[in-house]
Protein backbone atom coordinates (compact mmCIF):
# COMPACT_ATOMS: atom_id res chain seq x y z
CA MET A 1 69.17 22.00 -60.34
CA SER A 2 65.75 22.97 -62.09
CA SER A 3 65.86 26.48 -63.30
CA VAL A 4 63.20 29.02 -64.39
CA ILE A 5 64.06 32.23 -66.16
CA LEU A 6 61.56 35.12 -65.82
CA LEU A 7 61.68 37.93 -68.40
CA GLY A 8 60.03 41.38 -68.17
CA ALA A 9 60.39 44.38 -70.32
CA GLY A 10 63.62 45.32 -68.63
CA ALA A 11 65.30 42.31 -70.11
CA SER A 12 64.58 43.27 -73.71
CA ARG A 13 65.36 47.02 -73.00
CA GLY A 14 68.75 45.98 -71.32
CA THR A 15 69.62 43.80 -74.27
CA LEU A 16 68.23 45.90 -77.25
CA GLY A 17 68.38 49.47 -75.92
CA GLU A 18 65.75 52.12 -76.47
CA GLU A 19 64.50 50.37 -79.57
CA ALA A 20 62.70 47.95 -77.01
CA PRO A 21 60.83 50.55 -74.86
CA SER A 22 59.37 49.96 -71.45
CA ALA A 23 55.67 50.41 -70.91
CA ALA A 24 56.14 53.74 -69.29
CA ASP A 25 58.10 54.96 -72.31
CA PHE A 26 56.07 53.49 -75.02
CA GLY A 27 54.17 56.60 -76.04
CA LYS A 28 57.33 58.80 -76.00
CA TYR A 29 59.20 56.18 -78.22
CA LEU A 30 56.25 55.86 -80.60
CA GLY A 31 56.24 59.60 -81.12
CA LYS A 32 59.91 59.41 -81.99
CA ALA A 33 59.85 56.31 -84.12
CA VAL A 34 56.62 57.26 -85.89
CA PRO A 35 56.32 61.04 -86.01
CA GLY A 36 52.87 60.97 -87.67
CA TRP A 37 51.51 58.24 -85.34
CA ALA A 38 48.35 60.17 -84.36
CA ASP A 39 47.38 60.26 -88.14
CA GLU A 40 48.14 56.59 -88.54
CA TYR A 41 46.20 55.56 -85.45
CA PRO A 42 43.67 58.19 -85.05
CA HIS A 43 41.31 56.35 -82.61
CA LEU A 44 44.30 55.52 -80.30
CA ALA A 45 45.34 59.22 -80.49
CA ALA A 46 41.75 60.25 -79.55
CA VAL A 47 41.99 58.02 -76.57
CA VAL A 48 45.17 59.46 -75.33
CA ARG A 49 43.92 62.99 -75.71
CA PHE A 50 40.76 62.01 -73.83
CA LEU A 51 42.89 60.64 -71.03
CA ARG A 52 44.77 63.77 -70.47
CA LEU A 53 42.35 64.82 -67.81
CA ARG A 54 42.03 61.45 -66.36
CA ILE A 55 45.60 60.12 -66.08
CA ALA A 56 48.41 62.19 -64.84
CA LYS A 57 51.40 62.98 -67.18
CA THR A 58 49.50 61.75 -70.19
CA SER A 59 49.80 63.59 -73.40
CA GLU A 60 50.25 62.66 -77.18
CA LYS A 61 53.98 63.10 -76.66
CA SER A 62 54.27 60.97 -73.62
CA TRP A 63 51.91 58.09 -72.45
CA ALA A 64 52.27 54.74 -70.69
CA LEU A 65 51.33 51.63 -72.60
CA ASP A 66 49.79 49.86 -69.54
CA GLU A 67 47.79 52.96 -68.33
CA VAL A 68 46.36 53.56 -71.84
CA TRP A 69 45.65 49.89 -72.60
CA GLY A 70 44.10 49.54 -69.05
CA ALA A 71 41.78 52.60 -69.67
CA ILE A 72 40.68 51.24 -72.99
CA ASP A 73 39.99 47.86 -71.33
CA ASN A 74 37.94 49.41 -68.39
CA ARG A 75 36.07 51.61 -70.72
CA VAL A 76 34.88 48.75 -72.78
CA LYS A 77 33.99 46.82 -69.49
CA LEU A 78 32.05 49.74 -68.01
CA ARG A 79 30.28 50.68 -71.24
CA ARG A 80 26.91 50.35 -69.69
CA ILE A 81 27.71 53.09 -67.40
CA LEU A 82 30.06 55.24 -69.27
CA GLY A 83 29.04 54.61 -72.82
CA LEU A 84 31.41 54.22 -75.76
CA ASN A 85 31.38 57.76 -77.06
CA LEU A 86 35.02 58.92 -77.85
CA PRO A 87 35.36 62.61 -78.43
CA GLY A 88 37.64 63.38 -81.35
CA ALA A 89 37.27 59.94 -83.05
CA PRO A 90 37.60 60.44 -86.85
CA PHE A 91 34.41 60.50 -88.75
CA PRO A 92 34.11 59.36 -91.35
CA PRO A 93 36.57 56.61 -90.44
CA PRO A 94 39.87 56.15 -92.42
CA ARG A 95 39.97 53.79 -95.44
CA THR A 96 43.50 52.50 -94.70
CA LYS A 97 42.25 49.22 -93.35
CA THR A 98 39.07 47.19 -94.18
CA ILE A 99 38.05 46.88 -90.47
CA TYR A 100 37.31 50.52 -90.28
CA GLN A 101 34.36 49.85 -92.73
CA ARG A 102 33.11 46.99 -90.46
CA ASN A 103 33.35 48.36 -87.01
CA LEU A 104 32.24 51.66 -85.78
CA ASP A 105 33.19 51.10 -82.00
CA ALA A 106 35.75 53.89 -81.49
CA TRP A 107 37.17 52.34 -78.27
CA GLY A 108 37.41 48.84 -79.87
CA LEU A 109 39.21 50.38 -82.86
CA ALA A 110 41.64 52.18 -80.45
CA GLY A 111 42.31 48.70 -78.97
CA PHE A 112 42.90 47.39 -82.50
CA GLU A 113 45.35 50.29 -83.46
CA LEU A 114 47.25 49.81 -80.15
CA ARG A 115 47.68 46.13 -81.29
CA CYS A 116 49.07 47.42 -84.64
CA ALA A 117 51.36 49.81 -83.00
CA LEU A 118 52.67 47.08 -80.83
CA ALA A 119 53.38 44.91 -83.82
CA ARG A 120 55.18 47.72 -85.51
CA VAL A 121 57.40 48.50 -82.50
CA PHE A 122 58.07 45.04 -81.15
CA GLY A 123 57.62 43.13 -84.26
CA THR A 124 59.55 43.57 -87.53
CA ALA A 125 61.31 46.85 -86.28
CA LEU A 126 63.29 44.58 -83.85
CA ASP A 127 64.19 41.86 -86.29
CA SER A 128 67.80 43.29 -86.93
CA PRO A 129 68.48 44.12 -83.32
CA ILE A 130 67.31 40.80 -82.15
CA GLN A 131 69.24 38.77 -84.65
CA LYS A 132 72.36 40.78 -83.65
CA ALA A 133 71.71 40.28 -79.82
CA ALA A 134 71.06 36.40 -80.50
CA LYS A 135 74.61 36.13 -81.76
CA GLY A 136 76.17 38.13 -78.89
CA LYS A 137 77.17 37.40 -75.39
CA GLY A 138 74.85 39.67 -73.43
CA THR A 139 73.26 38.85 -70.06
CA MET A 140 70.24 37.27 -71.53
CA ALA A 141 72.26 35.00 -73.77
CA ALA A 142 74.61 34.06 -71.01
CA THR A 143 71.65 33.17 -68.75
CA VAL A 144 69.76 31.14 -71.28
CA LYS A 145 72.97 29.19 -72.13
CA GLN A 146 72.84 27.65 -68.68
CA LEU A 147 69.42 26.21 -69.21
CA GLN A 148 69.00 22.45 -69.34
CA PRO A 149 66.32 20.29 -71.06
CA GLY A 150 63.15 20.48 -69.00
CA ASP A 151 63.96 23.94 -67.70
CA CYS A 152 61.54 26.76 -68.20
CA VAL A 153 61.47 30.44 -69.69
CA ILE A 154 58.55 32.65 -68.76
CA SER A 155 58.48 35.78 -70.82
CA PHE A 156 55.96 38.56 -70.36
CA ASN A 157 57.30 40.20 -73.50
CA TYR A 158 55.52 40.29 -77.00
CA ASP A 159 58.91 40.33 -78.91
CA LEU A 160 60.69 37.22 -80.03
CA LEU A 161 64.14 37.92 -78.42
CA VAL A 162 64.31 34.93 -76.18
CA GLU A 163 63.16 32.61 -78.90
CA ARG A 164 65.88 33.75 -81.14
CA ILE A 165 68.60 33.41 -78.52
CA ILE A 166 67.47 29.92 -77.77
CA GLU A 167 67.61 28.96 -81.55
CA ALA A 168 71.17 30.54 -81.88
CA LEU A 169 72.30 28.47 -79.12
CA GLY A 170 71.19 25.32 -80.71
CA LYS A 171 68.74 24.55 -78.02
CA ARG A 172 65.30 22.85 -78.62
CA LEU A 173 62.26 24.90 -77.71
CA VAL A 174 58.59 24.06 -77.13
CA THR A 175 55.77 26.40 -76.54
CA ALA A 176 53.34 25.59 -73.63
CA ASN A 177 49.95 24.38 -74.92
CA ALA A 178 46.83 22.89 -73.56
CA SER A 179 47.63 19.25 -75.00
CA SER A 180 51.17 18.93 -73.74
CA ASP A 181 52.50 17.67 -70.39
CA SER A 182 54.45 20.69 -68.86
CA THR A 183 56.45 18.34 -66.50
CA ASP A 184 57.88 16.31 -69.41
CA CYS A 185 59.51 18.46 -72.24
CA GLY A 186 61.91 15.83 -73.13
CA GLU A 187 65.16 17.40 -74.52
CA ALA A 188 63.57 20.96 -74.98
CA ILE A 189 63.27 24.11 -73.01
CA LEU A 190 59.59 25.11 -72.19
CA LEU A 191 58.57 28.54 -73.23
CA CYS A 192 55.55 30.20 -71.36
CA LYS A 193 54.34 33.68 -72.69
CA PRO A 194 51.48 34.66 -70.23
CA HIS A 195 50.78 37.94 -72.19
CA GLY A 196 50.93 36.25 -75.65
CA SER A 197 53.28 36.79 -78.52
CA LEU A 198 53.55 38.72 -81.77
CA ASN A 199 53.95 35.54 -83.75
CA TRP A 200 50.84 33.89 -82.48
CA ARG A 201 48.24 34.51 -85.41
CA GLN A 202 44.59 34.27 -84.56
CA THR A 203 41.30 34.99 -86.33
CA VAL A 204 38.49 36.50 -84.34
CA PRO A 205 36.10 34.71 -84.53
CA GLU A 206 38.04 31.38 -84.92
CA ASP A 207 35.14 29.24 -86.47
CA GLY A 208 37.26 26.12 -85.93
CA ARG A 209 40.56 27.80 -86.94
CA ALA A 210 43.51 27.14 -84.61
CA VAL A 211 46.09 29.74 -83.63
CA GLN A 212 49.10 29.53 -85.93
CA ILE A 213 52.59 30.08 -84.24
CA LEU A 214 54.46 31.62 -87.01
CA GLY A 215 58.23 31.70 -87.57
CA SER A 216 58.38 35.55 -87.21
CA ALA A 217 56.21 38.27 -85.78
CA ILE A 218 52.95 38.87 -87.77
CA LEU A 219 53.27 42.05 -90.03
CA GLU A 220 51.30 45.11 -89.09
CA SER A 221 49.87 45.13 -92.56
CA ALA A 222 48.37 41.64 -92.11
CA ILE A 223 46.45 42.85 -89.05
CA ASP A 224 42.87 43.66 -90.27
CA PHE A 225 39.48 42.23 -91.05
CA ASP A 226 39.76 39.57 -93.77
CA PRO A 227 36.51 39.39 -95.77
CA ALA A 228 37.50 35.90 -97.21
CA GLN A 229 37.48 34.59 -93.58
CA ASN A 230 34.74 36.85 -92.23
CA ALA A 231 37.20 37.41 -89.21
CA THR A 232 39.77 39.86 -87.95
CA VAL A 233 43.30 38.63 -88.17
CA GLN A 234 45.63 39.75 -85.28
CA PRO A 235 48.21 38.55 -82.85
CA VAL A 236 47.23 36.76 -79.53
CA ILE A 237 48.39 39.24 -77.01
CA ILE A 238 46.78 40.48 -73.89
CA GLY A 239 47.39 43.79 -72.04
CA PRO A 240 49.25 44.41 -68.72
CA VAL A 241 46.07 45.23 -67.13
CA PRO A 242 44.81 44.42 -63.51
CA PHE A 243 41.93 42.32 -64.46
CA LYS A 244 42.36 40.00 -67.52
CA SER A 245 38.83 39.23 -68.94
CA GLU A 246 40.63 36.60 -71.33
CA LEU A 247 41.60 34.57 -68.03
CA ILE A 248 38.59 35.13 -65.75
CA LEU A 249 35.38 35.27 -68.13
CA PRO A 250 35.39 32.09 -70.29
CA GLU A 251 31.93 33.00 -71.63
CA LEU A 252 33.51 35.94 -73.35
CA GLN A 253 36.01 33.75 -75.13
CA SER A 254 33.59 31.24 -76.78
CA SER A 255 34.46 32.66 -80.30
CA VAL A 256 38.20 32.30 -79.63
CA SER A 257 38.36 28.94 -77.67
CA HIS A 258 41.81 28.03 -79.07
CA SER A 259 43.66 31.10 -78.29
CA ASP A 260 41.78 31.12 -74.91
CA ASN A 261 43.23 27.68 -74.15
CA LEU A 262 46.67 28.60 -75.31
CA LEU A 263 46.72 31.49 -72.94
CA LEU A 264 45.52 29.45 -70.02
CA ALA A 265 48.33 26.85 -70.81
CA GLN A 266 50.88 29.68 -70.39
CA TRP A 267 49.73 30.72 -66.92
CA SER A 268 49.09 27.06 -65.61
CA CYS A 269 52.58 25.78 -66.97
CA ALA A 270 54.37 28.83 -65.55
CA ILE A 271 52.80 28.53 -62.10
CA GLN A 272 53.78 24.71 -62.02
CA HIS A 273 57.40 25.39 -63.05
CA ILE A 274 57.79 28.02 -60.55
CA SER A 275 56.29 25.83 -57.89
CA GLU A 276 58.86 23.14 -58.42
CA ALA A 277 61.96 25.23 -59.35
CA GLU A 278 65.18 25.26 -57.35
CA ARG A 279 66.56 28.33 -58.98
CA LEU A 280 64.66 31.31 -60.38
CA VAL A 281 66.47 33.92 -62.43
CA VAL A 282 64.64 37.24 -62.75
CA LEU A 283 65.75 39.67 -65.71
CA GLY A 284 64.03 42.97 -65.81
CA TYR A 285 60.85 41.89 -64.17
CA GLY A 286 59.49 43.75 -61.09
CA PHE A 287 56.48 41.76 -59.90
CA PRO A 288 54.22 44.81 -60.48
CA SER A 289 51.58 45.08 -57.71
CA GLU A 290 49.19 46.53 -60.32
CA ASP A 291 49.16 43.32 -62.38
CA LEU A 292 46.81 41.68 -59.94
CA HIS A 293 46.21 38.42 -61.70
CA ALA A 294 49.94 37.83 -62.18
CA ARG A 295 50.63 38.75 -58.57
CA PHE A 296 47.96 36.27 -57.38
CA LEU A 297 49.04 33.48 -59.51
CA PHE A 298 52.79 33.90 -58.45
CA THR A 299 51.57 33.80 -54.81
CA GLU A 300 49.75 30.53 -55.62
CA ALA A 301 52.95 29.00 -57.07
CA ALA A 302 54.73 29.99 -53.86
CA ALA A 303 52.28 28.35 -51.81
CA ARG A 304 52.43 25.11 -53.80
CA ARG A 305 56.06 24.61 -53.14
CA LYS A 306 56.85 21.67 -50.98
CA SER A 307 58.34 21.89 -47.58
CA GLY A 308 62.15 21.89 -47.60
CA GLU A 309 62.38 22.72 -51.35
CA ASN A 310 64.53 25.92 -51.06
CA LEU A 311 64.47 28.51 -53.79
CA GLU A 312 67.55 30.58 -54.99
CA ILE A 313 66.56 33.70 -56.76
CA GLU A 314 68.99 35.84 -58.84
CA VAL A 315 67.81 39.12 -59.93
CA TYR A 316 69.20 41.38 -62.76
CA GLU A 317 67.99 45.03 -62.58
CA ARG A 318 69.32 48.40 -63.77
CA SER A 319 70.57 49.42 -60.26
CA GLU A 320 70.88 48.25 -56.77
CA ARG A 321 68.16 50.73 -55.81
CA GLN A 322 65.78 48.90 -58.19
CA PHE A 323 66.86 45.70 -56.95
CA THR A 324 65.84 46.68 -53.53
CA LYS A 325 62.46 47.44 -54.66
CA VAL A 326 62.05 44.27 -56.57
CA ASN A 327 63.40 42.29 -53.59
CA GLU A 328 60.55 43.79 -51.47
CA GLN A 329 58.06 42.59 -54.04
CA ILE A 330 59.54 39.09 -54.21
CA ARG A 331 59.42 38.91 -50.41
CA ALA A 332 55.71 39.89 -50.55
CA VAL A 333 54.94 37.13 -53.04
CA PHE A 334 57.07 34.23 -51.60
CA GLY A 335 57.37 35.41 -48.05
CA PRO A 336 54.02 34.21 -46.55
CA ALA A 337 54.36 30.58 -47.94
CA SER A 338 58.11 30.27 -47.06
CA ARG A 339 57.74 31.61 -43.43
CA SER A 340 54.66 29.41 -42.64
CA SER A 341 56.16 26.69 -40.31
CA LYS A 342 59.48 27.30 -42.01
CA ARG A 343 58.49 25.33 -44.90
CA TYR A 344 61.37 26.54 -47.24
CA ARG A 345 64.05 29.08 -47.52
CA ILE A 346 64.32 31.66 -50.23
CA SER A 347 67.60 33.64 -51.00
CA CYS A 348 67.55 36.73 -53.28
CA THR A 349 70.88 37.94 -54.84
CA TYR A 350 71.48 40.93 -57.03
CA ARG A 351 73.52 39.97 -60.09
CA GLY A 352 73.91 43.36 -61.79
CA GLU A 353 72.12 44.95 -64.83
CA VAL A 354 70.97 43.29 -67.96
CA LEU A 355 73.83 44.03 -70.42
CA PRO A 356 73.57 43.87 -74.22
């Protein structure tokens, strides 16, 4: 039976605890883990203060990752209407990183600082908890253990938790890429990370330099403008925002064509495997309606499934109440295609919460 495991933030949170915060709790956790975060990330802090009158329940003490990242993304896209002035942005800029002397776009610098904060929270800070979890017998490890060669893991998380678990189990792993055949993984498990990963190192612009897939998450100290390469070094990660420019506007990706192709491969391989899977195991992912592109592409995968190919879906969530909500979203994604001329059946079962 071909299987796909789908991982959301709840999978890492359930496995690692509060050290792997959800998007909704990211600002609150950052304030706890880095008490002086507003001084270390001054442009990001200025954005959060700016958004207090624009996004409910937003303050320096508590803000949601997806809402703040989405606001930064939208502000840049709508700059011709709204401009790029950011009240409270530091001037003169800090001297802690070279990029501050090269870039005066306050909103762009806020996005840069957000990537630094993500590398700090989900990168090296999680090394020890992830190593411990990889040797454990939690829900994710038990689920991954059942995978067979040719099966697929789709992770929307930036961290390296599932990679370490697969390695600890002695299974071979390959990352989806533009040059590989996603239908033939040999003796390996295929990994798709549609939102990117903290161990994918890119330079912007690339100037012919390929993305490097590192053995560990890129250090926050390494994220900066590198004069020797005349480029900014950063991880390949994209935000949980409704409209992903990286996917729909190729003309904007001409300077980073390799990372662009890498991201496109994650989505195309994920769609293909979901369209062919007999079993889908969902850990801590809620099929959020606000992630419009992911929702559209999952619906496309559902529509591509062949008649008679039934799908068994197992869901791990923190409560039965939350499962009910996820089940509704799953029915909205797979329902139209499965009900059309009774093409195939889907069954959705609650398996409990994600345990460490």
